[in-house]
Protein backbone atom coordinates (compact mmCIF):
# COMPACT_ATOMS: atom_id res chain seq x y z
CA MET A 1 19.30 28.71 5.30
CA ALA A 2 15.77 28.61 6.72
CA LEU A 3 13.10 31.20 5.71
CA HIS A 4 9.43 30.88 7.07
CA ARG A 5 6.83 33.47 7.03
CA GLN A 6 3.20 33.19 7.69
CA PHE A 7 0.47 34.75 5.73
CA PRO A 8 -3.22 34.17 5.92
CA ARG A 9 -4.62 31.71 3.18
CA THR A 10 -1.20 31.25 1.65
CA ARG A 11 0.57 28.51 -0.48
CA ARG A 12 3.56 26.54 0.83
CA TYR A 13 6.63 25.68 -1.41
CA GLN A 14 9.55 23.47 -0.48
CA TRP A 15 12.91 23.55 -2.06
CA GLU A 16 15.60 20.82 -1.47
CA LEU A 17 19.20 21.43 -2.15
CA ARG A 18 21.41 18.51 -3.06
CA THR A 19 25.21 18.41 -3.56
CA ASP A 20 25.30 15.68 -6.31
CA GLY A 21 21.69 15.34 -7.58
CA HIS A 22 21.42 11.94 -5.95
CA ARG A 23 17.87 11.49 -4.52
CA SER A 24 19.02 10.01 -1.20
CA THR A 25 21.51 12.75 -0.45
CA ARG A 26 19.79 15.71 1.08
CA VAL A 27 21.86 18.42 2.26
CA GLN A 28 19.35 20.98 3.24
CA SER A 29 15.58 21.35 3.22
CA THR A 30 14.16 24.92 2.96
CA HIS A 31 10.44 25.41 3.75
CA ILE A 32 9.08 28.86 2.65
CA THR A 33 5.63 30.13 2.73
CA ILE A 34 4.78 32.99 0.49
CA LEU A 35 1.87 34.89 -0.98
CA PRO A 36 0.41 33.12 -4.11
CA LEU A 37 1.02 35.99 -6.34
CA ALA A 38 4.48 36.96 -4.95
CA ASN A 39 6.35 35.38 -8.02
CA ASP A 40 9.08 38.03 -7.52
CA VAL A 41 9.84 36.68 -4.22
CA GLU A 42 10.31 33.21 -5.63
CA CYS A 43 12.45 34.59 -8.44
CA LEU A 44 14.75 36.42 -5.97
CA LEU A 45 14.96 33.32 -3.88
CA ARG A 46 16.13 31.30 -6.83
CA VAL A 47 18.76 33.88 -7.68
CA TYR A 48 19.90 34.05 -4.04
CA VAL A 49 20.25 30.34 -3.52
CA LEU A 50 21.57 29.39 -6.89
CA GLY A 51 24.02 32.33 -6.78
CA ARG A 52 25.55 31.42 -3.43
CA ARG A 53 25.32 27.62 -3.76
CA GLN A 54 26.93 26.36 -6.85
CA ASN A 55 26.58 22.84 -8.12
CA LEU A 56 23.47 22.32 -6.26
CA SER A 57 20.35 20.82 -7.85
CA TRP A 58 16.89 22.39 -7.42
CA ARG A 59 13.56 20.78 -6.96
CA THR A 60 10.26 22.34 -6.17
CA SER A 61 7.78 20.16 -4.45
CA ARG A 62 4.02 20.16 -4.90
CA VAL A 63 1.97 23.28 -3.68
CA VAL A 64 0.10 22.43 -0.48
CA ASP A 65 -3.21 24.20 -0.45
CA VAL A 66 -3.60 26.07 3.02
CA GLY A 67 -7.22 27.21 2.44
CA LYS A 68 -9.74 26.57 5.08
CA HIS A 69 -11.76 23.90 3.16
CA PRO A 70 -13.11 21.62 6.02
CA LEU A 71 -12.27 18.39 4.07
CA LYS A 72 -8.77 19.40 3.09
CA PRO A 73 -6.98 20.83 6.11
CA GLU A 74 -3.46 22.20 5.73
CA LEU A 75 -0.70 19.59 6.30
CA LYS A 76 2.56 20.28 8.03
CA VAL A 77 5.03 18.32 5.98
CA GLY A 78 8.66 17.94 6.72
CA ASP A 79 11.70 15.64 6.21
CA VAL A 80 13.78 14.16 9.04
CA ILE A 81 17.05 12.24 8.63
CA VAL A 82 17.78 9.55 11.18
CA ARG A 83 20.44 6.80 11.50
CA GLY A 84 19.17 3.83 9.22
CA TYR A 85 20.27 0.25 9.01
CA VAL A 86 23.03 0.76 6.57
CA LYS A 87 22.76 4.46 5.57
CA PRO A 88 21.05 7.64 6.54
CA LEU A 89 17.27 7.20 6.44
CA THR A 90 14.87 10.00 5.34
CA LEU A 91 11.48 10.11 7.10
CA ARG A 92 8.82 12.37 5.70
CA SER A 93 6.17 13.51 8.33
CA TYR A 94 2.66 14.55 7.45
CA ARG A 95 0.33 16.03 10.05
CA PRO A 96 -3.01 18.10 9.78
CA ILE A 97 -2.13 21.37 11.45
CA CYS A 98 -5.73 22.09 12.54
CA GLU A 99 -6.08 18.85 14.52
CA LYS A 100 -5.33 19.51 18.17
CA ARG A 101 -6.30 16.14 19.44
CA MET A 102 -3.85 13.09 19.85
CA LEU A 103 -3.76 11.41 16.47
CA PRO A 104 -3.00 7.76 15.50
CA VAL A 105 0.24 7.00 13.73
CA VAL A 106 0.69 5.40 10.32
CA ILE A 107 3.99 4.19 8.94
CA TYR A 108 3.79 4.18 5.15
CA LEU A 109 6.22 2.29 2.66
CA HIS A 110 6.16 3.30 -0.90
CA GLY A 111 6.14 0.87 -3.91
CA GLY A 112 8.65 0.31 -6.72
CA GLY A 113 9.58 -3.45 -6.65
CA PHE A 114 12.19 -3.17 -3.93
CA ALA A 115 14.64 -1.55 -6.40
CA ALA A 116 13.05 1.92 -7.17
CA GLY A 117 10.38 4.30 -5.81
CA ASP A 118 10.69 7.31 -3.44
CA LEU A 119 8.82 9.50 -0.98
CA ASP A 120 7.18 11.64 -3.81
CA GLU A 121 5.69 8.34 -5.26
CA ALA A 122 3.64 7.90 -2.10
CA ASP A 123 2.78 11.57 -1.60
CA ASN A 124 -0.86 11.44 -2.87
CA LEU A 125 -2.09 8.50 -0.86
CA VAL A 126 -0.27 9.55 2.26
CA SER A 127 -1.67 13.05 2.08
CA HIS A 128 -5.21 11.61 1.78
CA ILE A 129 -4.57 9.33 4.76
CA ALA A 130 -3.14 12.25 6.97
CA ARG A 131 -6.01 14.56 6.11
CA GLN A 132 -9.05 12.14 6.26
CA VAL A 133 -8.30 9.66 8.82
CA PRO A 134 -6.87 11.98 10.33
CA ALA A 135 -3.39 10.66 11.27
CA TRP A 136 0.21 11.48 11.72
CA VAL A 137 1.82 9.73 8.77
CA VAL A 138 5.54 8.98 8.54
CA SER A 139 6.58 7.87 5.07
CA VAL A 140 9.74 6.03 4.88
CA GLU A 141 12.50 6.24 2.15
CA TYR A 142 13.90 2.85 2.86
CA SER A 143 17.19 1.35 1.41
CA LEU A 144 16.74 0.04 -2.15
CA ALA A 145 18.14 -3.08 -3.81
CA PRO A 146 20.42 -4.16 -5.44
CA ARG A 147 22.97 -1.96 -3.40
CA PHE A 148 21.10 -2.81 -0.15
CA PRO A 149 19.47 -6.15 -0.30
CA PHE A 150 17.45 -7.85 2.45
CA PRO A 151 17.19 -7.16 5.47
CA ALA A 152 17.95 -3.45 4.85
CA ALA A 153 14.48 -2.45 3.74
CA PRO A 154 12.41 -4.02 6.65
CA GLU A 155 15.10 -3.04 9.22
CA ASP A 156 14.78 0.59 7.97
CA ALA A 157 11.09 0.42 8.22
CA TYR A 158 11.34 -0.90 11.78
CA ILE A 159 13.73 1.83 12.65
CA ALA A 160 11.07 4.31 11.34
CA LEU A 161 8.51 2.61 13.57
CA THR A 162 10.83 2.98 16.57
CA TRP A 163 11.51 6.60 15.84
CA ALA A 164 7.83 7.38 15.34
CA THR A 165 6.88 5.66 18.61
CA ASN A 166 9.56 7.59 20.45
CA HIS A 167 8.68 10.98 18.96
CA ALA A 168 4.85 10.60 18.57
CA ARG A 169 3.84 12.74 21.56
CA ALA A 170 6.05 15.67 20.46
CA TYR A 171 4.03 15.58 16.95
CA GLY A 172 0.70 15.35 18.84
CA ALA A 173 0.26 11.71 18.11
CA ASP A 174 -0.66 8.55 20.31
CA PRO A 175 2.11 5.91 20.13
CA THR A 176 -0.32 3.20 21.35
CA ARG A 177 -2.28 3.47 18.19
CA ILE A 178 0.05 2.56 15.19
CA ALA A 179 -0.66 1.01 11.71
CA VAL A 180 1.77 0.02 9.03
CA ALA A 181 0.82 0.39 5.41
CA GLY A 182 2.37 0.02 2.01
CA HIS A 183 1.98 -0.57 -1.70
CA ASP A 184 3.56 -3.13 -4.06
CA ALA A 185 6.96 -3.91 -2.53
CA GLY A 186 5.97 -1.59 0.35
CA GLY A 187 3.11 -3.88 1.09
CA SER A 188 5.51 -6.77 1.49
CA ILE A 189 7.77 -4.69 3.82
CA ALA A 190 4.69 -3.59 5.75
CA ALA A 191 3.74 -7.21 6.43
CA SER A 192 7.37 -7.98 7.39
CA VAL A 193 7.43 -5.17 9.86
CA ALA A 194 4.16 -6.39 11.42
CA ALA A 195 5.81 -9.77 11.82
CA ILE A 196 9.05 -8.48 13.19
CA ALA A 197 7.12 -6.26 15.77
CA ARG A 198 5.18 -9.41 16.86
CA ASP A 199 8.30 -11.58 17.17
CA ARG A 200 10.42 -8.74 19.07
CA ASN A 201 7.45 -7.93 21.19
CA GLU A 202 8.45 -4.23 21.36
CA TYR A 203 5.49 -2.52 19.64
CA ASP A 204 1.89 -3.43 19.48
CA ILE A 205 0.75 -2.60 15.83
CA LYS A 206 -2.98 -2.33 15.73
CA ALA A 207 -3.50 -2.62 11.92
CA GLN A 208 -1.74 -3.40 8.63
CA VAL A 209 -2.79 -2.26 5.17
CA LEU A 210 -1.30 -4.22 2.31
CA ILE A 211 -2.11 -2.63 -1.16
CA GLU A 212 -1.27 -5.03 -4.03
CA PRO A 213 1.59 -6.52 -1.85
CA LEU A 214 4.36 -8.67 -3.27
CA LEU A 215 4.04 -11.74 -1.11
CA ASP A 216 5.50 -14.58 -3.13
CA PRO A 217 9.15 -14.42 -4.27
CA SER A 218 8.83 -17.60 -6.03
CA LEU A 219 6.39 -16.12 -8.47
CA THR A 220 4.44 -19.36 -8.63
CA ARG A 221 1.15 -17.68 -7.85
CA ARG A 222 1.10 -15.10 -10.53
CA ALA A 223 -2.35 -14.55 -12.20
CA PRO A 224 -2.80 -14.71 -15.98
CA SER A 225 -3.69 -11.58 -17.95
CA ALA A 226 -6.90 -11.01 -19.75
CA HIS A 227 -5.07 -12.80 -22.66
CA GLY A 228 -4.89 -16.01 -20.58
CA HIS A 229 -1.09 -15.95 -19.93
CA VAL A 230 1.18 -14.29 -17.43
CA GLU A 231 2.72 -11.18 -19.02
CA ASP A 232 6.35 -12.06 -19.78
CA LEU A 233 7.75 -8.55 -19.42
CA ALA A 234 6.16 -7.81 -16.11
CA GLN A 235 7.29 -11.38 -14.83
CA GLN A 236 10.77 -10.93 -15.89
CA ALA A 237 10.89 -7.39 -14.23
CA CYS A 238 9.54 -8.80 -11.00
CA ALA A 239 11.99 -11.76 -11.11
CA ARG A 240 14.95 -9.24 -11.48
CA ASN A 241 13.69 -7.15 -8.60
CA PHE A 242 13.26 -10.18 -6.30
CA HIS A 243 16.79 -11.32 -7.27
CA ALA A 244 18.23 -7.97 -6.49
CA TYR A 245 16.45 -7.87 -3.09
CA LEU A 246 17.02 -11.44 -2.25
CA PRO A 247 20.36 -12.57 -3.91
CA ASP A 248 20.43 -15.60 -1.62
CA VAL A 249 17.90 -18.00 -2.95
CA ALA A 250 17.37 -19.57 0.56
CA LEU A 251 15.97 -16.14 1.70
CA ARG A 252 13.08 -16.54 -0.66
CA MET A 253 11.30 -18.78 1.84
CA HIS A 254 12.06 -16.60 4.85
CA PRO A 255 8.82 -15.52 6.67
CA TYR A 256 9.83 -11.89 6.51
CA THR A 257 10.27 -11.98 2.70
CA ALA A 258 7.69 -14.51 1.78
CA PRO A 259 4.74 -13.90 4.06
CA ILE A 260 2.54 -16.27 2.28
CA GLU A 261 4.92 -19.18 3.02
CA SER A 262 5.01 -18.46 6.78
CA ARG A 263 3.66 -21.12 9.05
CA ARG A 264 3.20 -18.82 11.93
CA LEU A 265 0.73 -16.09 11.15
CA GLY A 266 -1.23 -16.03 14.42
CA GLY A 267 -0.71 -12.76 16.52
CA LEU A 268 -0.48 -10.54 13.60
CA PRO A 269 -2.59 -7.24 13.60
CA PRO A 270 -5.91 -7.01 11.66
CA ALA A 271 -5.30 -6.49 7.98
CA LEU A 272 -6.82 -4.91 4.89
CA LEU A 273 -5.69 -6.47 1.75
CA ALA A 274 -6.55 -4.50 -1.40
CA TYR A 275 -5.87 -5.59 -4.95
CA ALA A 276 -6.85 -5.23 -8.47
CA ALA A 277 -9.04 -8.18 -9.82
CA SER A 278 -7.01 -8.22 -13.00
CA GLY A 279 -3.65 -7.55 -11.28
CA PRO A 280 -0.81 -10.02 -11.48
CA VAL A 281 -0.78 -10.63 -7.61
CA CYS A 282 -4.56 -11.25 -7.06
CA LEU A 283 -4.08 -14.95 -6.57
CA GLU A 284 -1.30 -14.59 -3.99
CA VAL A 285 -3.24 -11.91 -2.16
CA GLU A 286 -6.39 -14.00 -1.99
CA ALA A 287 -4.28 -16.94 -0.74
CA TYR A 288 -2.65 -14.87 1.91
CA ALA A 289 -6.01 -13.51 3.12
CA ALA A 290 -7.32 -17.15 3.50
CA LYS A 291 -4.11 -18.06 5.48
CA LEU A 292 -4.48 -15.14 7.83
CA THR A 293 -8.09 -16.00 8.48
CA ALA A 294 -7.21 -19.51 9.15
CA ALA A 295 -4.72 -18.31 11.66
CA GLY A 296 -7.41 -16.12 13.50
CA VAL A 297 -6.31 -12.77 12.12
CA PRO A 298 -9.26 -10.25 11.33
CA VAL A 299 -9.04 -9.62 7.66
CA GLU A 300 -10.84 -7.36 5.22
CA THR A 301 -10.21 -7.68 1.45
CA ALA A 302 -11.01 -4.98 -1.17
CA ARG A 303 -11.16 -6.22 -4.68
CA HIS A 304 -11.15 -3.53 -7.46
CA SER A 305 -12.13 -4.73 -10.80
CA ASP A 306 -11.84 -1.36 -12.75
CA VAL A 307 -8.24 -0.67 -12.30
CA VAL A 308 -4.73 -2.05 -12.96
CA HIS A 309 -1.90 -2.73 -10.46
CA TYR A 310 0.13 0.44 -10.90
CA GLU A 311 -2.97 2.74 -10.76
CA LEU A 312 -4.51 1.18 -7.67
CA LYS A 313 -2.77 3.37 -5.07
CA SER A 314 -4.37 6.50 -6.61
CA HIS A 315 -7.85 4.92 -7.18
CA PRO A 316 -10.40 6.86 -5.31
CA PRO A 317 -12.53 3.78 -4.04
CA LEU A 318 -9.27 2.31 -2.82
CA ILE A 319 -8.27 5.43 -0.95
CA GLU A 320 -11.75 5.41 0.58
CA ASP A 321 -11.29 1.73 1.63
CA VAL A 322 -8.00 2.46 3.29
CA ILE A 323 -9.27 5.52 5.21
CA LEU A 324 -12.45 3.73 6.47
CA PHE A 325 -10.49 0.77 7.54
CA LEU A 326 -7.80 3.01 9.37
CA GLN A 327 -10.59 4.93 11.18
CA ARG A 328 -12.24 1.66 12.36
CA ARG A 329 -8.93 0.22 13.84
CA LEU A 330 -7.21 3.41 15.02
CA CYS A 331 -9.65 6.28 15.98
CA GLU A 332 -10.88 5.88 19.46
CA ARG A 333 -13.64 8.44 19.27
CA ARG A 334 -15.27 6.78 16.26
CA ASN A 335 -14.85 3.32 17.92
CA ALA A 336 -16.36 4.63 21.21
CA ILE A 337 -19.40 6.06 19.31
CA THR A 338 -19.93 2.92 17.28
CA SER A 339 -19.56 0.71 20.48
CA GLY A 340 -21.97 3.02 22.31
CA ALA A 341 -24.54 2.96 19.60
CA THR A 342 -24.42 -0.95 19.50
CA GLN A 343 -25.02 -1.17 23.25
CA LEU A 344 -27.94 1.29 23.09
CA ARG A 345 -29.45 -0.87 20.31
CA ALA A 346 -28.98 -3.99 22.38
CA ARG A 347 -30.33 -2.54 25.58
CA PHE A 348 -33.41 -0.67 24.19
CA ASN A 349 -33.98 -2.98 21.08
CA LEU A 350 -33.87 0.22 18.89
CA ALA A 351 -32.46 0.67 15.41
CA ILE A 352 -30.54 3.78 14.58
CA GLY A 353 -32.78 6.38 13.16
CA ASP A 354 -35.88 5.06 14.97
CA GLY A 355 -37.95 7.84 16.65
CA PRO A 356 -40.70 7.92 19.26
CA GLN A 357 -43.77 6.02 18.22
CA THR A 358 -47.10 7.78 18.12
């Protein structure tokens, strides 16, 4: 069943029907656009769907504002299911509808410690990136441990990269301007994908955004808390997740699972490493930034002192850091303007804002 009607200044709702309630089993996705006050239409739809489809679960996604506010353009959001590494892989596409130019591509990997998390968890940050860079963002629901240990997650992410590259032009995007990004475990997987793309020499990733990434499976670089010791519960949970993701101890030194231990970091794309100053991974992130710099990789770091690990991805200053970094690395028009202004200053020895002298 697919219903889609357009009205001026409407709101969009999305219903997903599932046979067994399992998050990864999507039978059908129904996109419906209705008037904000047409509650009777929504009720009728519920009756129709639930009456005809027994034993199906019901979930209503967030409401996407399609007003004409210039800073919040409407996003076209939809799910695509492709063949994954070990199971069907769900990709969620975000694209600003009002953007007619070719947009850069961002592959985003959600957090959750390798064993949890989903597409909805990443929705807020992904929506900001799509709107404000602007960019075509593909959010990846990669395989989770312990059922699907390494290398399922990074291979799923690489499959998403391949799909996005092959379909970019159909979505009004430029396959030559691609970035990978992720938070928590997703940051580790994003770093893995950047290294895999370099090693396989198939795609030229222009930037990587690693937000509080888990880079050290040995957990030997964990930062102490404000009380002067590593939080035992968080340490134990992280250890369990790494054990589920990497059941073979030998894999915990693999360059795709422990980027901080890699001896070959040259050739990786420019990186933004964002972290909470009081977070448990701050020491390993700072050490990884130093190693990337020593390998000749352009690195920017964003240290946030007023937020904790799990709140960072929704922290407004962090979102601004991510957007500005991606704009600098991916947006041709902005780069051309900056380059042109630099050349003019050098040629005429003028500063921006200087006017004619009287």
